[in-house]
Amino acid sequence: MQHLRDVPAPAKLNLFLHITGRRPDGYHLLQSVFMLIDWCDTLHFDLRRDGIVRRIDSRPGDLPEIDLTVRAARALQQATGCAWGADITLDKRIPAEAGMGGGSSDAASCLIALNRLWGLGLSRQALADIGLQLGADVPFFIGGHNAWVEGVGEQLTPVRLPPARFVVVKPPLGASTQRIFTSPDLQRATKTAIIQGFAANDTVDNTGLRELNLQALLAGGHNDLQPVAQALCPPVGQCIRWLESQGLQGRMTGSGTAVFAPMWAPHALIEAPGDWIVRECSNMDAHPLLDWCTG
């Protein structure tokens, strides 16, 4: 195998994001549900025999010289002693500073793809352990399933969600994650929820996954970061009001400035400001690379 083409790296939405406390080391305790959506970056890999890892931009200027894909490849080399290298071409579609996990997803797909291209045979758990060094969200994308998330983001319980459509809106400005989490106005004491409270039924399917009630998750949750983010970046509130003007209930996802709303029925959207990114998406039952590694 010399090449891998059209390797997808899907984005995620946080259906809610509750901050339930803070550890002595300053890390925030959270609860969330991470949901994969079909808005994807695409990566291409060419095997190199000289051990060099090089990223080639599909659109020059999109990415820093050393991005998470390069760091992921080098971390995999270091963890395994692999002497192979790769040219990595990244077609970047997921917007930056959106709270949609684009960089983490790229890193995860890079680890999964190079594990195959280099013939390493690492398990999914071994890849997730490497991915955690790169960012807290990377193991989620390697895990391959939508997930109930707890702790500081490292405790993942795979879940199933019913199919649905969403509109995602991203204004051009971003917001500083550090400023949001260090704000004295941030709510840090949301009551802890239990996964059973959002279960669609009392049983699990034949894969062992519990299905959650999507409408209950959206109705019973919120994003604790949103009020602070709106104060730091007013376009977040403008996006939410634009959705409300069309009868849609919007919410910020993650710590970025993208907002989303479920579309329970077909909906004709009015024109948004020209510098906003607006996209309709569907959720995904599982990561498209789920079968590329085991364990």
Protein backbone atom coordinates (compact mmCIF):
# COMPACT_ATOMS: atom_id res chain seq x y z
CA MET A 1 0.00 0.00 0.00
CA GLN A 2 1.52 3.30 -1.16
CA HIS A 3 -1.38 5.75 -0.92
CA LEU A 4 -4.59 6.44 0.97
CA ARG A 5 -7.03 8.83 -0.67
CA ASP A 6 -10.14 10.70 0.47
CA VAL A 7 -9.81 9.92 4.18
CA PRO A 8 -12.65 11.76 5.99
CA ALA A 9 -12.33 13.68 9.27
CA PRO A 10 -15.85 14.60 10.47
CA ALA A 11 -16.75 17.51 12.73
CA LYS A 12 -18.73 17.21 15.94
CA LEU A 13 -21.41 19.18 17.74
CA ASN A 14 -21.78 19.43 21.51
CA LEU A 15 -25.49 18.89 22.06
CA PHE A 16 -25.01 20.53 25.45
CA LEU A 17 -21.99 21.52 27.54
CA HIS A 18 -22.37 21.72 31.31
CA ILE A 19 -19.56 22.78 33.65
CA THR A 20 -20.18 20.88 36.88
CA GLY A 21 -17.11 21.84 38.89
CA ARG A 22 -13.41 22.52 38.89
CA ARG A 23 -10.51 20.34 39.99
CA PRO A 24 -7.73 21.64 42.28
CA ASP A 25 -5.40 21.73 39.26
CA GLY A 26 -7.74 24.19 37.52
CA TYR A 27 -9.22 21.82 34.95
CA HIS A 28 -12.98 22.11 34.58
CA LEU A 29 -15.28 19.13 35.07
CA LEU A 30 -17.89 18.87 32.35
CA GLN A 31 -20.72 16.86 30.92
CA SER A 32 -21.65 16.79 27.28
CA VAL A 33 -22.83 14.68 24.39
CA PHE A 34 -20.52 14.74 21.38
CA MET A 35 -22.29 14.04 18.08
CA LEU A 36 -20.56 13.37 14.76
CA ILE A 37 -21.86 15.27 11.73
CA ASP A 38 -21.23 14.89 8.00
CA TRP A 39 -19.24 18.11 7.65
CA CYS A 40 -15.77 16.74 6.97
CA ASP A 41 -12.20 17.67 6.20
CA THR A 42 -10.51 15.31 3.74
CA LEU A 43 -6.97 13.96 3.99
CA HIS A 44 -4.75 12.18 1.48
CA PHE A 45 -1.62 10.22 2.38
CA ASP A 46 1.39 9.19 0.29
CA LEU A 47 3.94 6.80 1.79
CA ARG A 48 7.50 8.05 2.19
CA ARG A 49 10.37 5.67 2.83
CA ASP A 50 12.73 8.32 4.22
CA GLY A 51 10.87 8.89 7.50
CA ILE A 52 9.97 12.50 6.65
CA VAL A 53 6.48 13.75 7.55
CA ARG A 54 5.39 16.63 5.35
CA ARG A 55 2.06 18.37 5.03
CA ILE A 56 0.94 19.71 1.65
CA ASP A 57 -1.88 22.25 1.71
CA SER A 58 -4.73 21.94 -0.77
CA ARG A 59 -5.15 25.71 -0.34
CA PRO A 60 -1.86 27.38 0.70
CA GLY A 61 -2.07 29.58 3.78
CA ASP A 62 -4.92 27.69 5.47
CA LEU A 63 -2.83 26.06 8.18
CA PRO A 64 0.20 26.66 10.39
CA GLU A 65 3.44 24.97 9.32
CA ILE A 66 3.19 22.39 12.12
CA ASP A 67 -0.47 21.50 12.59
CA LEU A 68 -2.08 18.66 14.50
CA THR A 69 -1.81 16.22 11.59
CA VAL A 70 1.97 16.57 11.50
CA ARG A 71 2.16 16.34 15.27
CA ALA A 72 -0.04 13.23 15.20
CA ALA A 73 2.14 11.53 12.60
CA ARG A 74 5.30 12.29 14.54
CA ALA A 75 3.74 11.12 17.80
CA LEU A 76 2.85 7.82 16.09
CA GLN A 77 6.40 7.46 14.80
CA GLN A 78 7.81 8.11 18.27
CA ALA A 79 5.42 5.71 19.98
CA THR A 80 6.16 2.84 17.59
CA GLY A 81 9.67 3.47 16.30
CA CYS A 82 8.26 3.41 12.77
CA ALA A 83 10.79 4.43 10.10
CA TRP A 84 8.19 5.28 7.44
CA GLY A 85 7.10 8.83 6.65
CA ALA A 86 4.25 10.40 4.72
CA ASP A 87 3.17 13.33 2.63
CA ILE A 88 -0.16 14.51 4.06
CA THR A 89 -2.52 16.64 1.99
CA LEU A 90 -5.31 18.27 3.99
CA ASP A 91 -8.38 19.72 2.32
CA LYS A 92 -9.66 21.92 5.14
CA ARG A 93 -13.44 22.45 5.17
CA ILE A 94 -14.39 22.60 8.87
CA PRO A 95 -13.98 26.20 10.05
CA ALA A 96 -11.38 27.04 12.70
CA GLU A 97 -12.35 28.41 16.14
CA ALA A 98 -15.80 26.90 15.70
CA GLY A 99 -15.96 24.49 18.65
CA MET A 100 -16.49 21.65 16.18
CA GLY A 101 -13.27 19.75 16.81
CA GLY A 102 -11.84 20.10 13.32
CA GLY A 103 -8.17 19.97 14.29
CA SER A 104 -8.71 17.10 16.71
CA SER A 105 -10.64 15.17 14.07
CA ASP A 106 -7.84 15.69 11.55
CA ALA A 107 -5.34 14.33 14.07
CA ALA A 108 -7.54 11.30 14.81
CA SER A 109 -8.04 10.43 11.15
CA CYS A 110 -4.30 10.89 10.61
CA LEU A 111 -3.47 8.38 13.37
CA ILE A 112 -6.03 5.88 12.08
CA ALA A 113 -4.90 6.22 8.46
CA LEU A 114 -1.16 6.04 9.15
CA ASN A 115 -1.70 3.04 11.40
CA ARG A 116 -3.05 1.34 8.25
CA LEU A 117 -0.61 2.85 5.73
CA TRP A 118 2.42 1.97 7.85
CA GLY A 119 1.07 -1.47 8.75
CA LEU A 120 1.43 -0.92 12.50
CA GLY A 121 -1.62 -2.87 13.63
CA LEU A 122 -2.26 -0.77 16.75
CA SER A 123 -5.61 -1.12 18.49
CA ARG A 124 -8.09 1.71 18.74
CA GLN A 125 -7.25 2.10 22.44
CA ALA A 126 -3.53 2.36 21.69
CA LEU A 127 -4.24 5.06 19.12
CA ALA A 128 -6.50 6.88 21.58
CA ASP A 129 -3.71 6.88 24.18
CA ILE A 130 -1.42 8.57 21.65
CA GLY A 131 -4.20 10.94 20.61
CA LEU A 132 -4.82 12.12 24.17
CA GLN A 133 -1.33 13.66 24.15
CA LEU A 134 -2.44 15.85 21.24
CA GLY A 135 -5.77 17.06 22.62
CA ALA A 136 -8.66 16.04 24.85
CA ASP A 137 -11.08 15.59 21.92
CA VAL A 138 -8.84 13.33 19.81
CA PRO A 139 -9.78 10.05 21.60
CA PHE A 140 -13.47 10.76 20.92
CA PHE A 141 -12.92 10.79 17.16
CA ILE A 142 -10.75 7.67 17.35
CA GLY A 143 -13.45 5.91 19.40
CA GLY A 144 -15.78 6.07 16.43
CA HIS A 145 -19.15 6.55 18.15
CA ASN A 146 -21.23 9.44 19.43
CA ALA A 147 -20.56 9.69 23.15
CA TRP A 148 -21.72 10.84 26.55
CA VAL A 149 -18.74 12.76 27.90
CA GLU A 150 -17.68 13.42 31.51
CA GLY A 151 -14.64 14.29 33.64
CA VAL A 152 -12.37 16.74 31.85
CA GLY A 153 -13.49 15.21 28.55
CA GLU A 154 -11.63 11.92 28.90
CA GLN A 155 -14.54 9.75 30.12
CA LEU A 156 -16.44 8.56 27.05
CA THR A 157 -19.52 6.35 27.00
CA PRO A 158 -20.51 5.42 23.43
CA VAL A 159 -24.19 6.08 22.67
CA ARG A 160 -26.57 5.92 19.76
CA LEU A 161 -28.58 8.92 18.53
CA PRO A 162 -31.54 8.99 16.12
CA PRO A 163 -30.93 10.52 12.67
CA ALA A 164 -31.61 14.24 12.40
CA ARG A 165 -30.81 17.35 10.37
CA PHE A 166 -29.13 20.49 11.71
CA VAL A 167 -28.16 23.91 10.47
CA VAL A 168 -24.75 25.15 11.62
CA VAL A 169 -23.81 28.84 11.49
CA LYS A 170 -20.29 30.20 11.97
CA PRO A 171 -19.54 33.95 12.10
CA PRO A 172 -16.09 35.03 10.93
CA LEU A 173 -14.82 35.97 14.40
CA GLY A 174 -13.53 33.47 16.94
CA ALA A 175 -13.40 33.64 20.73
CA SER A 176 -10.50 32.83 23.04
CA THR A 177 -11.10 29.50 24.79
CA GLN A 178 -8.73 30.56 27.57
CA ARG A 179 -10.62 33.83 28.16
CA ILE A 180 -13.92 31.96 28.30
CA PHE A 181 -12.75 29.37 30.83
CA THR A 182 -10.98 31.93 33.03
CA SER A 183 -13.86 34.40 33.07
CA PRO A 184 -15.25 35.12 36.57
CA ASP A 185 -18.70 35.15 34.96
CA LEU A 186 -18.49 31.51 33.85
CA GLN A 187 -21.08 29.25 35.50
CA ARG A 188 -19.17 26.33 37.06
CA ALA A 189 -21.80 24.62 39.22
CA THR A 190 -24.41 23.13 36.91
CA LYS A 191 -26.12 20.16 38.55
CA THR A 192 -24.71 16.82 37.47
CA ALA A 193 -27.00 14.88 35.12
CA ILE A 194 -27.19 11.13 34.62
CA ILE A 195 -27.19 9.41 31.25
CA GLN A 196 -30.29 7.36 32.13
CA GLY A 197 -32.25 10.60 32.35
CA PHE A 198 -31.90 11.04 28.59
CA ALA A 199 -32.33 7.41 27.52
CA ALA A 200 -34.83 6.74 24.75
CA ASN A 201 -35.71 3.46 26.49
CA ASP A 202 -34.36 1.14 29.16
CA THR A 203 -32.58 -1.23 26.79
CA VAL A 204 -29.39 -1.23 24.74
CA ASP A 205 -29.11 -2.42 21.13
CA ASN A 206 -27.23 -5.47 19.88
CA THR A 207 -23.98 -3.48 19.77
CA GLY A 208 -24.28 -2.63 23.46
CA LEU A 209 -25.05 1.05 22.86
CA ARG A 210 -27.83 2.90 24.66
CA GLU A 211 -29.95 5.15 22.45
CA LEU A 212 -30.52 8.65 23.81
CA ASN A 213 -33.51 10.89 23.21
CA LEU A 214 -32.27 13.73 21.03
CA GLN A 215 -35.11 16.12 21.83
CA ALA A 216 -34.64 15.53 25.57
CA LEU A 217 -30.91 16.23 25.29
CA LEU A 218 -31.54 19.54 23.57
CA ALA A 219 -34.42 20.57 25.81
CA GLY A 220 -32.73 19.56 29.06
CA GLY A 221 -29.29 20.95 28.35
CA HIS A 222 -27.51 24.20 27.60
CA ASN A 223 -23.98 25.48 27.00
CA ASP A 224 -22.50 27.10 30.09
CA LEU A 225 -19.84 28.77 27.94
CA GLN A 226 -22.35 30.57 25.73
CA PRO A 227 -23.12 33.66 27.87
CA VAL A 228 -19.42 34.43 28.32
CA ALA A 229 -18.68 33.78 24.64
CA GLN A 230 -21.53 36.08 23.58
CA ALA A 231 -20.07 38.87 25.72
CA LEU A 232 -16.63 38.34 24.19
CA CYS A 233 -17.91 37.82 20.64
CA PRO A 234 -21.30 39.51 19.98
CA PRO A 235 -21.73 37.78 16.56
CA VAL A 236 -22.51 34.57 18.49
CA GLY A 237 -25.68 36.21 19.77
CA GLN A 238 -26.42 37.61 16.31
CA CYS A 239 -26.30 34.09 14.85
CA ILE A 240 -28.66 32.80 17.53
CA ARG A 241 -31.11 35.65 16.92
CA TRP A 242 -30.95 34.97 13.16
CA LEU A 243 -31.95 31.37 13.84
CA GLU A 244 -34.72 32.49 16.21
CA SER A 245 -36.12 34.78 13.50
CA GLN A 246 -36.75 31.61 11.48
CA GLY A 247 -38.33 29.68 14.31
CA LEU A 248 -35.20 27.68 15.13
CA GLN A 249 -33.66 27.31 18.59
CA GLY A 250 -29.91 27.85 18.33
CA ARG A 251 -27.11 26.98 20.74
CA MET A 252 -23.35 27.40 20.70
CA THR A 253 -21.31 24.24 20.29
CA GLY A 254 -18.16 23.74 22.36
CA SER A 255 -16.01 26.75 23.12
CA GLY A 256 -15.94 28.10 19.57
CA THR A 257 -18.29 30.56 17.94
CA ALA A 258 -20.35 28.21 15.75
CA VAL A 259 -24.00 27.78 16.71
CA PHE A 260 -26.42 25.11 15.58
CA ALA A 261 -30.12 24.32 15.60
CA PRO A 262 -32.05 21.12 14.91
CA MET A 263 -34.33 21.12 11.88
CA TRP A 264 -37.20 18.84 12.84
CA ALA A 265 -38.91 19.51 9.50
CA PRO A 266 -37.73 20.79 6.09
CA HIS A 267 -36.93 24.46 6.46
CA ALA A 268 -36.19 27.16 3.87
CA LEU A 269 -33.54 29.43 5.41
CA ILE A 270 -33.55 33.14 4.72
CA GLU A 271 -30.31 34.61 3.45
CA ALA A 272 -27.60 35.09 6.09
CA PRO A 273 -24.96 37.84 6.15
CA GLY A 274 -22.41 37.19 3.44
CA ASP A 275 -19.45 36.67 5.76
CA TRP A 276 -21.18 33.90 7.77
CA ILE A 277 -20.73 30.22 6.96
CA VAL A 278 -24.11 28.45 6.93
CA ARG A 279 -24.40 24.73 6.30
CA GLU A 280 -27.07 22.09 6.70
CA CYS A 281 -25.74 18.81 8.12
CA SER A 282 -26.90 15.37 9.17
CA ASN A 283 -25.61 13.52 12.18
CA MET A 284 -23.67 10.28 11.70
CA ASP A 285 -24.35 6.97 13.39
CA ALA A 286 -20.61 6.18 13.53
CA HIS A 287 -17.27 7.49 12.33
CA PRO A 288 -16.63 6.51 8.68
CA LEU A 289 -13.27 4.96 9.71
CA LEU A 290 -14.79 2.86 12.49
CA ASP A 291 -13.74 -0.42 10.87
CA TRP A 292 -10.14 0.66 10.21
CA CYS A 293 -8.90 -0.50 13.61
CA THR A 294 -10.05 -2.82 16.40
CA GLY A 295 -10.00 -2.93 20.18
